[in-house]
């Protein structure tokens, strides 16, 4: 999904699964397929993930795929501040 970070356009990897299927490896499998597609088929040079600090499962998925933490920022949802960690993976690092 195309998004922006501090006003700069980025390609962001994201997923949401119903908690009934958590722990079955679906996020890892889907994220790996999306990373492969983005780099191999779409010509994307760099991917980002923005993850809530308390979402340790998604942090582990990103780290397993080679994403490195590069910073943090705060998104505003419905007037509420929500901190997010920024993870980045370039096609050369994969």
Protein backbone atom coordinates (compact mmCIF):
# COMPACT_ATOMS: atom_id res chain seq x y z
CA UNK A 1 0.00 0.00 0.00
CA UNK A 2 1.33 3.41 -0.84
CA UNK A 3 1.46 5.71 2.14
CA UNK A 4 3.56 8.58 3.41
CA UNK A 5 5.90 9.07 6.30
CA UNK A 6 6.64 12.64 7.31
CA UNK A 7 5.26 13.74 3.94
CA UNK A 8 7.52 11.45 1.91
CA UNK A 9 5.82 8.72 -0.17
CA UNK A 10 6.60 5.15 0.92
CA UNK A 11 5.43 1.63 0.11
CA UNK A 12 4.14 0.11 3.31
CA UNK A 13 3.53 -3.55 4.10
CA UNK A 14 0.51 -4.13 6.31
CA UNK A 15 -1.91 -6.88 7.26
CA UNK A 16 -4.77 -7.52 9.66
CA UNK A 17 -6.00 -10.96 10.71
CA UNK A 18 -8.89 -11.94 12.94
CA UNK A 19 -7.51 -12.93 16.34
CA UNK A 20 -9.11 -16.37 15.94
CA UNK A 21 -6.38 -17.28 13.44
CA UNK A 22 -3.41 -15.69 15.23
CA UNK A 23 -0.46 -18.00 15.86
CA UNK A 24 -0.92 -20.11 12.72
CA UNK A 25 1.83 -18.47 10.66
CA UNK A 26 -0.56 -16.78 8.23
CA UNK A 27 0.94 -13.32 8.80
CA UNK A 28 4.48 -14.61 8.18
CA UNK A 29 3.41 -16.47 5.05
CA UNK A 30 1.41 -13.56 3.64
CA UNK A 31 4.07 -10.96 4.49
CA UNK A 32 6.81 -13.07 2.85
CA UNK A 33 4.72 -13.40 -0.32
CA UNK A 34 4.07 -9.64 -0.36
CA UNK A 35 7.75 -8.82 0.15
CA UNK A 36 8.71 -11.16 -2.70
CA UNK A 37 6.06 -9.66 -4.97
CA UNK A 38 7.01 -6.07 -4.13
CA UNK A 39 10.71 -6.59 -4.82
CA UNK A 40 10.58 -9.19 -7.61
CA UNK A 41 7.49 -8.18 -9.58
CA UNK A 42 6.72 -4.55 -8.74
CA UNK A 43 10.24 -3.13 -8.73
CA UNK A 44 9.92 -1.57 -5.29
CA UNK A 45 13.32 -0.58 -3.84
CA UNK A 46 12.29 -0.24 -0.21
CA UNK A 47 9.43 -1.39 2.03
CA UNK A 48 8.29 -0.06 5.39
CA UNK A 49 6.20 -1.46 8.24
CA UNK A 50 4.73 0.75 10.94
CA UNK A 51 3.86 -1.31 14.01
CA UNK A 52 2.42 -0.49 17.42
CA UNK A 53 5.08 -1.08 20.12
CA UNK A 54 2.85 -3.56 21.96
CA UNK A 55 2.30 -5.70 18.84
CA UNK A 56 5.19 -8.06 19.52
CA UNK A 57 3.92 -10.71 17.09
CA UNK A 58 4.05 -8.29 14.14
CA UNK A 59 7.45 -7.03 15.26
CA UNK A 60 8.73 -10.63 15.18
CA UNK A 61 7.25 -11.15 11.69
CA UNK A 62 8.99 -8.01 10.42
CA UNK A 63 12.31 -8.98 12.01
CA UNK A 64 12.16 -12.52 10.59
CA UNK A 65 11.74 -11.02 7.13
CA UNK A 66 14.83 -8.85 7.64
CA UNK A 67 13.16 -5.52 8.45
CA UNK A 68 15.25 -3.29 10.73
CA UNK A 69 13.87 -0.73 13.14
CA UNK A 70 14.72 2.75 11.90
CA UNK A 71 12.67 5.02 14.13
CA UNK A 72 9.30 5.80 15.59
CA UNK A 73 6.50 8.29 15.13
CA UNK A 74 3.00 9.02 16.34
CA UNK A 75 -0.10 8.54 14.20
CA UNK A 76 -3.28 10.39 15.12
CA UNK A 77 -6.44 8.24 14.96
CA UNK A 78 -9.74 9.88 15.86
CA UNK A 79 -7.89 12.53 17.82
CA UNK A 80 -5.82 10.01 19.80
CA UNK A 81 -2.04 9.77 19.65
CA UNK A 82 -0.85 6.26 18.81
CA UNK A 83 2.90 5.58 18.85
CA UNK A 84 4.29 3.37 16.08
CA UNK A 85 7.69 1.87 15.41
CA UNK A 86 9.12 2.16 11.90
CA UNK A 87 10.76 -0.86 10.27
CA UNK A 88 12.48 -0.76 6.89
CA UNK A 89 13.73 -3.34 4.38
CA UNK A 90 15.52 -2.51 1.14
CA UNK A 91 15.69 -4.87 -1.80
CA UNK A 92 19.50 -5.08 -1.33
CA UNK A 93 19.19 -6.13 2.34
CA UNK A 94 16.80 -8.97 1.73
